[in-house]
């Protein structure tokens, strides 16, 4: 894991995002990709992330680990609208 975290992918944004999403999912107790894609700022409160699973509706709360916070900060500038990661965007944002 340390080797994956330490990989310099600064010249490969696509791989960097993939690696970071994998790590974020892993450190958030295996968050599903669909739930990860739909995370917004409203899901973050202090050092906790709380979200409702899209598949089951179950409420999940996980503690925001330092690496997770670093990943969020890294990708927040690239995200569309209120999403935390640059995965989803609204139709209006895409057309702009």
Protein backbone atom coordinates (compact mmCIF):
# COMPACT_ATOMS: atom_id res chain seq x y z
CA UNK A 1 0.00 0.00 0.00
CA UNK A 2 2.82 2.41 0.80
CA UNK A 3 4.24 1.90 -2.69
CA UNK A 4 0.88 2.61 -4.29
CA UNK A 5 0.43 5.73 -2.16
CA UNK A 6 3.96 6.93 -2.96
CA UNK A 7 3.68 6.48 -6.75
CA UNK A 8 4.41 9.70 -8.62
CA UNK A 9 1.55 9.98 -11.07
CA UNK A 10 1.73 13.75 -11.53
CA UNK A 11 2.09 13.32 -15.31
CA UNK A 12 -0.91 10.92 -15.50
CA UNK A 13 -4.01 12.64 -14.08
CA UNK A 14 -6.25 9.75 -15.12
CA UNK A 15 -4.17 7.19 -13.22
CA UNK A 16 -3.74 9.56 -10.30
CA UNK A 17 -7.52 9.94 -9.94
CA UNK A 18 -8.04 6.16 -10.25
CA UNK A 19 -5.43 5.46 -7.60
CA UNK A 20 -6.89 8.10 -5.27
CA UNK A 21 -10.45 6.82 -5.68
CA UNK A 22 -9.24 3.29 -4.91
CA UNK A 23 -7.43 4.48 -1.78
CA UNK A 24 -10.35 6.62 -0.65
CA UNK A 25 -12.70 3.67 -1.07
CA UNK A 26 -10.35 1.37 0.81
CA UNK A 27 -9.85 3.78 3.72
CA UNK A 28 -13.60 4.45 3.93
CA UNK A 29 -14.31 0.80 4.73
CA UNK A 30 -14.88 -0.24 1.11
CA UNK A 31 -17.23 2.51 -0.07
CA UNK A 32 -18.87 1.48 -3.36
CA UNK A 33 -17.94 3.49 -6.44
CA UNK A 34 -21.50 4.74 -6.97
CA UNK A 35 -21.59 6.08 -3.40
CA UNK A 36 -18.14 7.61 -3.83
CA UNK A 37 -19.22 9.35 -7.04
CA UNK A 38 -22.27 10.89 -5.35
CA UNK A 39 -20.46 12.30 -2.31
CA UNK A 40 -21.05 16.02 -1.79
CA UNK A 41 -19.88 18.57 0.75
CA UNK A 42 -23.12 17.93 2.67
CA UNK A 43 -21.83 14.43 3.44
CA UNK A 44 -18.81 15.83 5.30
CA UNK A 45 -19.12 17.13 8.84
CA UNK A 46 -15.89 17.79 10.69
CA UNK A 47 -13.86 14.59 10.50
CA UNK A 48 -16.84 12.37 9.62
CA UNK A 49 -18.42 11.35 6.32
CA UNK A 50 -22.03 10.27 6.47
CA UNK A 51 -23.93 9.04 3.43
CA UNK A 52 -26.85 6.83 2.47
CA UNK A 53 -25.95 3.81 0.33
CA UNK A 54 -27.56 4.12 -3.08
CA UNK A 55 -28.16 0.37 -3.36
CA UNK A 56 -29.65 -0.39 0.06
CA UNK A 57 -30.52 2.99 1.57
CA UNK A 58 -28.45 2.13 4.65
CA UNK A 59 -26.95 5.12 6.47
CA UNK A 60 -23.15 4.80 6.73
CA UNK A 61 -20.79 6.98 8.77
CA UNK A 62 -17.01 6.73 8.58
CA UNK A 63 -14.24 8.77 10.11
CA UNK A 64 -12.26 10.91 7.70
CA UNK A 65 -8.66 9.68 7.90
CA UNK A 66 -5.77 12.07 7.11
CA UNK A 67 -5.05 10.42 3.74
CA UNK A 68 -8.74 10.67 2.83
CA UNK A 69 -8.78 14.39 3.68
CA UNK A 70 -5.66 14.90 1.56
CA UNK A 71 -7.28 13.11 -1.39
CA UNK A 72 -10.44 15.20 -1.04
CA UNK A 73 -8.45 18.42 -1.00
CA UNK A 74 -6.45 17.34 -4.03
CA UNK A 75 -9.49 16.68 -6.21
CA UNK A 76 -11.99 19.22 -4.87
CA UNK A 77 -10.77 21.87 -7.35
CA UNK A 78 -11.49 19.52 -10.28
CA UNK A 79 -14.94 18.42 -9.10
CA UNK A 80 -18.11 19.75 -10.72
CA UNK A 81 -20.73 21.54 -8.68
CA UNK A 82 -21.07 20.30 -5.15
CA UNK A 83 -19.52 16.86 -5.76
CA UNK A 84 -16.30 15.98 -3.96
CA UNK A 85 -14.73 14.12 -6.87
CA UNK A 86 -14.56 14.88 -10.61
CA UNK A 87 -16.72 11.93 -11.62
CA UNK A 88 -20.28 13.18 -12.03
CA UNK A 89 -21.61 16.48 -13.27
CA UNK A 90 -25.03 17.91 -14.02
CA UNK A 91 -26.23 18.42 -17.55
CA UNK A 92 -26.08 22.22 -17.11
CA UNK A 93 -22.45 22.08 -15.99
CA UNK A 94 -21.56 19.87 -18.96
CA UNK A 95 -23.19 22.27 -21.44
CA UNK A 96 -21.49 25.37 -19.95
